[in-house]
Amino acid sequence: MIRHIKVSHLGILVAAVFVASMSSFFVLQGILSDWYRALLVPLYMPSGFTSSVVWMVLFILITVAGILSWHAPIDKKARDRVRFLFIAIAFLNFYWSFLFFVTTNIGLAAFDAIVLFFVSLALMLKLYRWRKTVAYLLLPAVVWLAFAAYLNLVIWAVNRV
């Protein structure tokens, strides 16, 4: 299946993942800021290092799932929906980092995190109908996003002014 992927489509997918991973710049800048250090966070919040490692693994899994499903043997309309969902995930991921660390709008970032969770879940369920193994690649991301959205809501609740 991989040998049939067009270079242009692979380029789009790699660009989308690159844009999503560029959010790490916002994260790094945010973590170093006085604003972030002043936030009240739960004791069970993972360290910045742990989060970075988890996101790196998740981005790899999402990319592999994207590559394997980009030319899925499903009808064109369904395939286009799958592609749209992958691109939406990349955008929402990037936008969360911008909202949380650049605009410091924790509430809007929490909303984005919830939407990101549901879009990722929808993509996983859509892929499950086609090929279960590809859908399972997204399961760690969906679980982590549920946890991340919950953390974001807790941080928002305890830091509201």
Protein backbone atom coordinates (compact mmCIF):
# COMPACT_ATOMS: atom_id res chain seq x y z
CA MET A 1 0.00 0.00 0.00
CA ILE A 2 2.81 2.45 0.84
CA ARG A 3 4.34 2.15 -2.63
CA HIS A 4 1.19 3.74 -4.11
CA ILE A 5 1.43 6.97 -2.12
CA LYS A 6 2.10 9.98 -4.31
CA VAL A 7 4.99 12.20 -3.27
CA SER A 8 2.73 15.29 -3.34
CA HIS A 9 0.24 13.69 -0.94
CA LEU A 10 3.02 12.56 1.34
CA GLY A 11 4.39 16.12 1.25
CA ILE A 12 1.03 17.50 2.36
CA LEU A 13 0.87 15.02 5.20
CA VAL A 14 4.44 15.71 6.31
CA ALA A 15 3.75 19.47 6.13
CA ALA A 16 0.63 19.05 8.28
CA VAL A 17 2.57 17.08 10.88
CA PHE A 18 5.38 19.65 10.74
CA VAL A 19 2.93 22.48 11.41
CA ALA A 20 1.48 20.52 14.32
CA SER A 21 4.91 19.83 15.75
CA MET A 22 5.90 23.49 15.35
CA SER A 23 3.58 24.12 18.24
CA SER A 24 6.44 22.82 20.38
CA PHE A 25 8.06 26.23 19.83
CA PHE A 26 5.07 27.89 21.51
CA VAL A 27 5.17 25.29 24.26
CA LEU A 28 8.85 25.86 24.96
CA GLN A 29 8.43 29.64 25.01
CA GLY A 30 5.37 29.28 27.23
CA ILE A 31 6.97 26.92 29.72
CA LEU A 32 9.84 29.34 30.15
CA SER A 33 7.50 32.29 30.77
CA ASP A 34 6.72 33.79 34.15
CA TRP A 35 3.01 33.43 33.33
CA TYR A 36 3.24 29.64 33.01
CA ARG A 37 5.39 29.23 36.12
CA ALA A 38 2.79 31.18 38.13
CA LEU A 39 -0.05 28.82 37.13
CA LEU A 40 -1.55 26.48 39.67
CA VAL A 41 -1.37 22.97 38.22
CA PRO A 42 -2.41 19.58 39.62
CA LEU A 43 0.23 17.38 41.26
CA TYR A 44 -0.40 14.65 38.68
CA MET A 45 0.48 16.92 35.76
CA PRO A 46 3.29 15.32 33.71
CA SER A 47 6.60 17.14 33.50
CA GLY A 48 7.52 19.09 30.38
CA PHE A 49 10.02 16.38 29.45
CA THR A 50 7.43 13.61 29.81
CA SER A 51 4.90 15.56 27.75
CA SER A 52 7.49 16.18 25.03
CA VAL A 53 8.37 12.49 24.77
CA VAL A 54 4.70 11.48 24.73
CA TRP A 55 3.89 14.01 22.00
CA MET A 56 6.86 12.90 19.90
CA VAL A 57 5.63 9.29 20.03
CA LEU A 58 2.05 10.38 19.32
CA PHE A 59 3.10 12.48 16.31
CA ILE A 60 4.97 9.47 14.93
CA LEU A 61 1.92 7.22 15.40
CA ILE A 62 -0.41 9.82 13.86
CA THR A 63 1.95 10.24 10.90
CA VAL A 64 2.17 6.48 10.30
CA ALA A 65 -1.64 6.22 10.51
CA GLY A 66 -1.92 9.11 8.06
CA ILE A 67 0.50 7.57 5.59
CA LEU A 68 -1.25 4.21 5.76
CA SER A 69 -4.70 5.71 5.32
CA TRP A 70 -3.98 8.50 2.82
CA HIS A 71 -4.86 6.20 -0.08
CA ALA A 72 -7.26 3.96 1.78
CA PRO A 73 -9.24 1.63 -0.50
CA ILE A 74 -12.51 3.33 0.38
CA ASP A 75 -14.72 5.56 -1.69
CA LYS A 76 -13.36 9.00 -2.56
CA LYS A 77 -15.84 10.87 -0.35
CA ALA A 78 -14.88 8.82 2.73
CA ARG A 79 -11.17 9.15 1.92
CA ASP A 80 -11.54 12.94 1.61
CA ARG A 81 -13.23 13.02 5.03
CA VAL A 82 -10.33 11.05 6.51
CA ARG A 83 -7.84 13.47 4.98
CA PHE A 84 -9.81 16.44 6.28
CA LEU A 85 -9.82 14.98 9.79
CA PHE A 86 -6.03 14.48 9.74
CA ILE A 87 -5.53 18.09 8.64
CA ALA A 88 -8.03 19.31 11.26
CA ILE A 89 -6.10 17.45 13.97
CA ALA A 90 -2.85 19.11 12.89
CA PHE A 91 -4.50 22.55 12.90
CA LEU A 92 -6.25 22.07 16.25
CA ASN A 93 -3.02 20.82 17.82
CA PHE A 94 -1.12 23.86 16.60
CA TYR A 95 -3.94 26.21 17.59
CA TRP A 96 -4.12 24.80 21.13
CA SER A 97 -0.46 25.68 21.73
CA PHE A 98 -1.06 29.16 20.36
CA LEU A 99 -4.17 29.70 22.50
CA PHE A 100 -2.64 28.36 25.70
CA PHE A 101 0.90 29.71 25.54
CA VAL A 102 0.73 32.80 23.31
CA THR A 103 -2.69 34.29 24.08
CA THR A 104 -2.78 32.66 27.57
CA ASN A 105 -6.49 31.99 27.05
CA ILE A 106 -6.78 28.80 29.08
CA GLY A 107 -10.56 28.52 28.66
CA LEU A 108 -10.48 28.74 24.87
CA ALA A 109 -7.53 26.34 24.83
CA ALA A 110 -9.62 23.90 26.90
CA PHE A 111 -12.43 24.16 24.36
CA ASP A 112 -9.91 23.51 21.56
CA ALA A 113 -8.57 20.48 23.46
CA ILE A 114 -12.07 19.04 23.80
CA VAL A 115 -12.75 19.55 20.08
CA LEU A 116 -9.36 18.01 19.27
CA PHE A 117 -10.25 14.95 21.35
CA PHE A 118 -13.59 14.47 19.57
CA VAL A 119 -12.09 15.00 16.09
CA SER A 120 -9.37 12.45 16.89
CA LEU A 121 -11.95 10.01 18.22
CA ALA A 122 -14.08 10.49 15.09
CA LEU A 123 -11.05 9.80 12.89
CA MET A 124 -10.16 6.68 14.86
CA LEU A 125 -13.72 5.35 14.59
CA LYS A 126 -13.85 6.13 10.86
CA LEU A 127 -10.56 4.29 10.29
CA TYR A 128 -11.73 1.38 12.46
CA ARG A 129 -14.38 0.56 9.86
CA TRP A 130 -11.69 0.33 7.20
CA ARG A 131 -8.65 -1.15 8.94
CA LYS A 132 -8.56 -1.80 12.66
CA THR A 133 -4.76 -1.81 12.95
CA VAL A 134 -4.52 1.73 11.56
CA ALA A 135 -7.24 2.89 13.97
CA TYR A 136 -5.33 1.35 16.88
CA LEU A 137 -2.35 3.57 16.01
CA LEU A 138 -4.54 6.53 17.00
CA LEU A 139 -5.75 5.02 20.28
CA PRO A 140 -2.81 6.33 22.38
CA ALA A 141 -3.42 9.83 20.99
CA VAL A 142 -7.13 9.69 21.78
CA VAL A 143 -6.43 8.52 25.35
CA TRP A 144 -3.75 11.17 25.87
CA LEU A 145 -6.00 13.88 24.41
CA ALA A 146 -8.77 12.95 26.85
CA PHE A 147 -6.28 13.31 29.71
CA ALA A 148 -4.85 16.55 28.27
CA ALA A 149 -8.32 18.08 27.85
CA TYR A 150 -9.15 17.14 31.45
CA LEU A 151 -5.87 18.70 32.66
CA ASN A 152 -6.58 21.83 30.66
CA LEU A 153 -10.04 22.13 32.23
CA VAL A 154 -8.57 21.68 35.73
CA ILE A 155 -5.90 24.32 35.09
CA TRP A 156 -8.55 26.69 33.76
CA ALA A 157 -10.83 26.07 36.77
CA VAL A 158 -8.17 26.68 39.42
CA ASN A 159 -6.60 29.70 37.68
CA ARG A 160 -9.72 31.65 36.67
CA VAL A 161 -9.46 35.28 37.66
